[in-house]
Amino acid sequence: MTNPSASLRQSLVRFGRGILLIYCVSLAGLYLAQERLLLHPSHAPSRPADNDPRFQISEWRPTGSDTVGYVLEPKAGPVRGTVLFFHGNAGDAEGRIAVGAEIVHHGYRAVLVEYPGFGMRAGPVSMASLMAASQDAFGAARRQWTGPFVLAGESLGAGVAAQVTRQQGAAVSGLLLFTPWDSLSSVAQEKLSAVPVSLLLHRDYDSAEALRSYPGPVFVVGAERDQLIPIHHAKALAATLQHPHFVALQGAEHNTWFDAVTQDQWQTMLDAAAALGDRRCPQDSTRDEH
C-alpha cells in the first residue's frame, strides 16, 4: 500500500526539480541573449535635412567611408569647443538633432555619434562594438578638431561617455551625464530581483568605477520621475565622483529630460565642462544642485 506522505514528498521533489530546471534554463537564456535584451537599435529612414538657419549639418565620415554620425556647426560666431553626444537605447543620432541644435545654440560644435547597427550605420549590434566605436569616434574627433572636448550622453549614452573617459582621461574636459546609471548591474538587479545579475552580465559597465579618479567636472542630471533608471542611481553616481554637480530635473521622466533642461542650465553646464584652464572646483560646489 502506497504511503500518501511519501508520495506527496516525491511529487514535491519532482516539482521542485522542475522549477529549478526552468530557472536554470532561464538564466542560461538570459546570459546567451543579453545583447538582444539590452540593445534595441532604431533605424531612421534618411539623413536629416539641413534647413535650420542657425547651423549646418553634415554627415561625419572621419575615415572618408562610412557615416559614423553627424556634425552640427554654428553658421555664425566662434566655436568654443566640441561636444560629443552619445544617444540612448532605442534611439539613433538622427533623432537627437534637437539636442545638437541646443548645443550649437550655446556656441559649441555638436558631434552626434552613431553606434554600429543603429540609425543608418551598418555593423554588428553589441555592447562591445558600441563601446569600441565610441572610443574610435573620440579619437577621430581629437584628430579633426582642437579642444576642449566635452562628452555628453543620455541613459545608455551616459554609460558610454563614462567608459570613453575611463580610457581617455585628461583629454576629456568635462562630462554631462543625463539620466545615467551608477552601474548597469545595479539597475538590472532592481528589474530582476530574483536573478544573480552580477554573475550573468558579460561585463558590468560601471560608470562610478570608470569615473572614480576622473579629475574634471561632471554634471550628473537625474529626472525626478524616471522609472526606467530611477534618480537614486544618478545620486549614487554623483556621490562617488571627485567633482560632481548634481542636477535634479523636477517633474521630468526618463524620456522627457531634454524638455526640462533650461537654456541657462545648458549654458552653465557646457561652459563649466569646457573650462580646461582650471580643474579646481570650490569645496562648497561639489554637490551643486540646480
Protein backbone atom coordinates (compact mmCIF):
# COMPACT_ATOMS: atom_id res chain seq x y z
CA MET A 1 0.00 0.00 0.00
CA THR A 2 1.40 3.40 -1.01
CA ASN A 3 2.21 5.84 1.77
CA PRO A 4 0.37 9.12 0.97
CA SER A 5 3.01 11.22 2.75
CA ALA A 6 5.88 9.62 0.81
CA SER A 7 4.00 10.08 -2.46
CA LEU A 8 3.42 13.74 -1.66
CA ARG A 9 7.09 14.25 -0.84
CA GLN A 10 8.14 12.64 -4.09
CA SER A 11 5.73 14.87 -6.02
CA LEU A 12 7.07 17.95 -4.29
CA VAL A 13 10.65 16.92 -5.02
CA ARG A 14 9.84 16.39 -8.71
CA PHE A 15 8.03 19.73 -8.81
CA GLY A 16 10.98 21.47 -7.14
CA ARG A 17 13.42 19.91 -9.60
CA GLY A 18 11.25 21.03 -12.47
CA ILE A 19 11.14 24.60 -11.17
CA LEU A 20 14.92 24.56 -10.63
CA LEU A 21 15.46 23.27 -14.16
CA ILE A 22 13.25 26.00 -15.62
CA TYR A 23 15.09 28.62 -13.54
CA CYS A 24 18.50 27.39 -14.71
CA VAL A 25 17.39 27.29 -18.34
CA SER A 26 16.04 30.84 -17.98
CA LEU A 27 19.35 32.03 -16.54
CA ALA A 28 21.21 30.42 -19.42
CA GLY A 29 18.87 32.14 -21.86
CA LEU A 30 19.46 35.49 -20.19
CA TYR A 31 23.21 35.00 -20.34
CA LEU A 32 23.25 33.99 -24.01
CA ALA A 33 20.69 36.52 -25.24
CA GLN A 34 21.59 39.53 -23.12
CA GLU A 35 22.88 41.58 -26.06
CA ARG A 36 19.48 41.31 -27.77
CA LEU A 37 17.72 42.04 -24.49
CA LEU A 38 19.90 45.05 -23.64
CA LEU A 39 20.14 46.79 -27.00
CA HIS A 40 17.22 47.94 -29.15
CA PRO A 41 18.52 49.77 -32.23
CA SER A 42 16.37 52.28 -34.03
CA HIS A 43 16.73 52.78 -37.77
CA ALA A 44 15.97 56.22 -39.16
CA PRO A 45 14.78 56.30 -42.79
CA SER A 46 17.13 59.04 -44.02
CA ARG A 47 19.62 61.72 -43.12
CA PRO A 48 18.07 64.82 -41.51
CA ALA A 49 17.69 67.83 -43.75
CA ASP A 50 19.84 70.93 -43.34
CA ASN A 51 17.10 73.54 -43.14
CA ASP A 52 17.90 75.41 -39.94
CA PRO A 53 19.31 78.95 -40.23
CA ARG A 54 21.33 78.56 -37.00
CA PHE A 55 23.57 75.69 -38.03
CA GLN A 56 24.73 73.48 -40.85
CA ILE A 57 24.62 69.73 -40.55
CA SER A 58 26.78 67.21 -42.33
CA GLU A 59 27.44 63.52 -42.20
CA TRP A 60 30.54 62.72 -40.20
CA ARG A 61 32.92 60.45 -42.08
CA PRO A 62 36.30 60.82 -40.38
CA THR A 63 37.80 57.95 -42.38
CA GLY A 64 36.15 59.03 -45.62
CA SER A 65 33.96 55.95 -45.87
CA ASP A 66 31.05 55.04 -43.61
CA THR A 67 28.94 57.64 -41.84
CA VAL A 68 29.58 57.40 -38.10
CA GLY A 69 27.44 60.33 -37.00
CA TYR A 70 26.51 63.93 -37.74
CA VAL A 71 28.26 67.22 -37.14
CA LEU A 72 26.36 70.42 -36.40
CA GLU A 73 28.36 73.62 -36.84
CA PRO A 74 27.24 77.14 -35.97
CA LYS A 75 26.72 79.29 -39.05
CA ALA A 76 27.91 82.39 -37.21
CA GLY A 77 30.27 83.15 -34.37
CA PRO A 78 33.29 81.33 -32.96
CA VAL A 79 33.21 77.68 -31.92
CA ARG A 80 34.04 77.38 -28.22
CA GLY A 81 34.68 73.65 -28.20
CA THR A 82 33.42 70.27 -29.36
CA VAL A 83 30.72 68.27 -27.61
CA LEU A 84 30.39 64.58 -28.48
CA PHE A 85 26.88 63.37 -27.68
CA PHE A 86 26.08 59.67 -27.22
CA HIS A 87 22.38 58.87 -27.56
CA GLY A 88 20.37 56.39 -25.52
CA ASN A 89 18.97 52.95 -26.27
CA ALA A 90 16.07 52.53 -28.71
CA GLY A 91 17.23 55.70 -30.44
CA ASP A 92 19.65 56.99 -33.05
CA ALA A 93 21.74 60.04 -33.84
CA GLU A 94 19.20 61.37 -36.33
CA GLY A 95 16.63 61.54 -33.55
CA ARG A 96 18.86 63.79 -31.42
CA ILE A 97 19.22 66.70 -33.83
CA ALA A 98 17.32 68.89 -31.35
CA VAL A 99 19.94 68.14 -28.70
CA GLY A 100 22.69 69.04 -31.15
CA ALA A 101 20.90 72.26 -32.06
CA GLU A 102 20.75 73.22 -28.38
CA ILE A 103 24.48 72.61 -28.01
CA VAL A 104 25.20 74.72 -31.10
CA HIS A 105 22.96 77.49 -29.77
CA HIS A 106 25.40 77.92 -26.90
CA GLY A 107 28.43 78.24 -29.14
CA TYR A 108 29.72 74.68 -29.38
CA ARG A 109 30.20 72.19 -32.19
CA ALA A 110 27.93 69.18 -31.70
CA VAL A 111 29.02 65.72 -32.85
CA LEU A 112 26.19 63.20 -32.67
CA VAL A 113 27.88 59.82 -32.53
CA GLU A 114 26.12 56.81 -34.05
CA TYR A 115 26.60 53.21 -32.91
CA PRO A 116 27.09 50.24 -35.25
CA GLY A 117 23.71 48.76 -36.17
CA PHE A 118 21.83 51.90 -35.12
CA GLY A 119 20.34 54.52 -37.42
CA MET A 120 21.90 54.39 -40.86
CA ARG A 121 25.18 52.90 -39.66
CA ALA A 122 25.99 49.33 -40.57
CA GLY A 123 27.66 46.89 -38.25
CA PRO A 124 27.03 44.33 -35.50
CA VAL A 125 24.78 45.32 -32.62
CA SER A 126 26.63 44.57 -29.39
CA MET A 127 27.90 46.37 -26.31
CA ALA A 128 31.48 45.59 -27.34
CA SER A 129 31.09 47.09 -30.85
CA LEU A 130 29.22 50.07 -29.43
CA MET A 131 31.96 50.84 -26.92
CA ALA A 132 34.78 50.32 -29.41
CA ALA A 133 33.11 52.56 -31.99
CA SER A 134 32.61 55.29 -29.40
CA GLN A 135 36.27 55.17 -28.39
CA ASP A 136 37.21 55.42 -32.07
CA ALA A 137 34.87 58.39 -32.51
CA PHE A 138 36.58 60.31 -29.74
CA GLY A 139 39.98 59.60 -31.24
CA ALA A 140 38.76 60.77 -34.64
CA ALA A 141 37.35 63.97 -33.13
CA ARG A 142 40.70 64.75 -31.48
CA ARG A 143 42.46 64.31 -34.81
CA GLN A 144 39.99 66.55 -36.63
CA TRP A 145 39.45 69.41 -34.17
CA THR A 146 41.19 71.17 -31.32
CA GLY A 147 39.80 71.06 -27.79
CA PRO A 148 38.26 71.47 -25.39
CA PHE A 149 36.26 68.26 -25.73
CA VAL A 150 33.15 67.66 -23.65
CA LEU A 151 31.45 64.28 -23.57
CA ALA A 152 27.68 64.13 -23.09
CA GLY A 153 25.25 61.25 -23.10
CA GLU A 154 21.79 60.15 -22.10
CA SER A 155 20.91 56.86 -20.39
CA LEU A 156 22.95 54.18 -22.20
CA GLY A 157 24.93 57.01 -23.80
CA ALA A 158 25.89 58.33 -20.37
CA GLY A 159 27.39 54.93 -19.65
CA VAL A 160 29.23 55.11 -22.97
CA ALA A 161 30.63 58.56 -22.12
CA ALA A 162 31.89 57.25 -18.78
CA GLN A 163 33.70 54.32 -20.41
CA VAL A 164 35.28 56.57 -23.05
CA THR A 165 36.51 58.84 -20.25
CA ARG A 166 37.99 55.84 -18.43
CA GLN A 167 40.31 55.36 -21.43
CA GLN A 168 40.88 58.98 -22.47
CA GLY A 169 41.34 60.59 -19.05
CA ALA A 170 42.64 64.16 -19.15
CA ALA A 171 41.77 64.56 -22.84
CA VAL A 172 38.15 64.93 -21.72
CA SER A 173 37.49 68.44 -20.40
CA GLY A 174 34.22 67.58 -18.66
CA LEU A 175 31.06 65.47 -18.82
CA LEU A 176 27.30 65.98 -18.97
CA LEU A 177 25.51 62.77 -17.99
CA PHE A 178 21.72 62.76 -18.38
CA THR A 179 19.56 60.10 -16.65
CA PRO A 180 22.65 57.92 -16.02
CA TRP A 181 23.14 54.67 -14.18
CA ASP A 182 25.76 54.21 -11.49
CA SER A 183 26.36 50.70 -12.81
CA LEU A 184 24.46 48.55 -15.28
CA SER A 185 24.24 45.71 -12.80
CA SER A 186 22.62 47.84 -10.10
CA VAL A 187 19.82 48.89 -12.45
CA ALA A 188 19.35 45.38 -13.84
CA GLN A 189 19.27 43.88 -10.36
CA GLU A 190 16.33 46.11 -9.45
CA LYS A 191 14.41 44.93 -12.50
CA LEU A 192 15.31 41.25 -12.00
CA SER A 193 15.44 40.82 -8.25
CA ALA A 194 15.38 37.00 -8.42
CA VAL A 195 18.30 36.81 -10.83
CA PRO A 196 22.03 36.90 -9.90
CA VAL A 197 22.68 39.69 -12.39
CA SER A 198 26.32 40.26 -11.48
CA LEU A 199 27.09 36.65 -12.42
CA LEU A 200 25.26 36.81 -15.74
CA LEU A 201 26.44 40.09 -17.22
CA HIS A 202 29.23 39.67 -19.73
CA ARG A 203 30.56 42.95 -18.38
CA ASP A 204 29.23 45.42 -15.83
CA TYR A 205 29.59 48.88 -17.35
CA ASP A 206 30.19 50.56 -14.02
CA SER A 207 30.17 54.34 -14.52
CA ALA A 208 31.02 55.06 -10.90
CA GLU A 209 34.16 52.96 -11.11
CA ALA A 210 35.10 54.36 -14.53
CA LEU A 211 34.94 57.96 -13.27
CA ARG A 212 36.17 57.47 -9.72
CA SER A 213 39.59 59.01 -10.39
CA TYR A 214 38.50 61.45 -13.12
CA PRO A 215 39.61 64.96 -12.06
CA GLY A 216 37.32 67.08 -14.22
CA PRO A 217 33.82 68.45 -13.66
CA VAL A 218 30.94 66.01 -14.09
CA PHE A 219 27.34 67.19 -14.31
CA VAL A 220 25.04 64.36 -13.27
CA VAL A 221 21.48 65.15 -14.37
CA GLY A 222 18.69 62.99 -12.98
CA ALA A 223 14.98 63.03 -13.83
CA GLU A 224 12.74 63.15 -10.76
CA ARG A 225 10.09 60.79 -12.19
CA ASP A 226 12.43 58.46 -14.05
CA GLN A 227 11.01 54.94 -13.82
CA LEU A 228 13.50 53.27 -16.17
CA ILE A 229 16.64 54.41 -14.33
CA PRO A 230 15.33 55.89 -11.07
CA ILE A 231 17.02 59.08 -9.92
CA HIS A 232 18.68 57.42 -6.94
CA HIS A 233 21.12 55.83 -9.41
CA ALA A 234 22.17 59.30 -10.57
CA LYS A 235 22.58 60.37 -6.95
CA ALA A 236 24.63 57.28 -6.19
CA LEU A 237 26.90 58.03 -9.16
CA ALA A 238 27.40 61.65 -8.11
CA ALA A 239 28.30 60.57 -4.58
CA THR A 240 31.35 58.64 -5.85
CA LEU A 241 32.90 61.38 -8.02
CA GLN A 242 35.65 63.86 -7.25
CA HIS A 243 33.95 66.96 -8.67
CA PRO A 244 30.25 66.25 -9.24
CA HIS A 245 27.50 68.77 -9.85
CA PHE A 246 24.13 67.12 -9.30
CA VAL A 247 21.10 68.48 -11.17
CA ALA A 248 17.60 67.21 -10.37
CA LEU A 249 15.01 67.86 -13.09
CA GLN A 250 11.73 68.35 -11.28
CA GLY A 251 8.76 66.54 -12.86
CA ALA A 252 10.85 65.06 -15.68
CA GLU A 253 10.68 61.42 -16.79
CA HIS A 254 13.35 59.29 -18.43
CA ASN A 255 12.43 60.34 -21.96
CA THR A 256 11.48 63.96 -21.20
CA TRP A 257 14.72 65.18 -19.61
CA PHE A 258 15.56 67.32 -22.65
CA ASP A 259 12.37 69.35 -22.32
CA ALA A 260 13.16 70.03 -18.65
CA VAL A 261 16.68 71.46 -19.07
CA THR A 262 16.61 75.25 -19.33
CA GLN A 263 18.84 77.27 -21.63
CA ASP A 264 20.58 78.79 -18.61
CA GLN A 265 21.35 75.31 -17.32
CA TRP A 266 22.72 74.28 -20.70
CA GLN A 267 25.00 77.34 -20.82
CA THR A 268 26.21 76.84 -17.26
CA MET A 269 26.93 73.15 -17.72
CA LEU A 270 28.61 73.44 -21.11
CA ASP A 271 30.83 76.36 -20.10
CA ALA A 272 31.88 74.70 -16.84
CA ALA A 273 32.53 71.35 -18.53
CA ALA A 274 34.64 73.02 -21.24
CA ALA A 275 36.75 75.03 -18.78
CA LEU A 276 40.07 73.26 -19.26
CA GLY A 277 42.13 76.07 -17.79
CA ASP A 278 41.33 75.39 -14.13
CA ARG A 279 40.45 71.90 -12.92
CA ARG A 280 39.97 73.09 -9.34
CA CYS A 281 36.40 73.17 -8.00
CA PRO A 282 35.28 75.17 -4.96
CA GLN A 283 34.80 72.91 -1.96
CA ASP A 284 31.23 74.03 -1.47
CA SER A 285 30.24 73.24 -5.07
CA THR A 286 30.99 69.54 -5.14
CA ARG A 287 27.32 68.77 -4.54
CA ASP A 288 25.72 71.56 -6.57
CA GLU A 289 22.00 71.18 -7.25
CA HIS A 290 20.32 73.45 -9.81
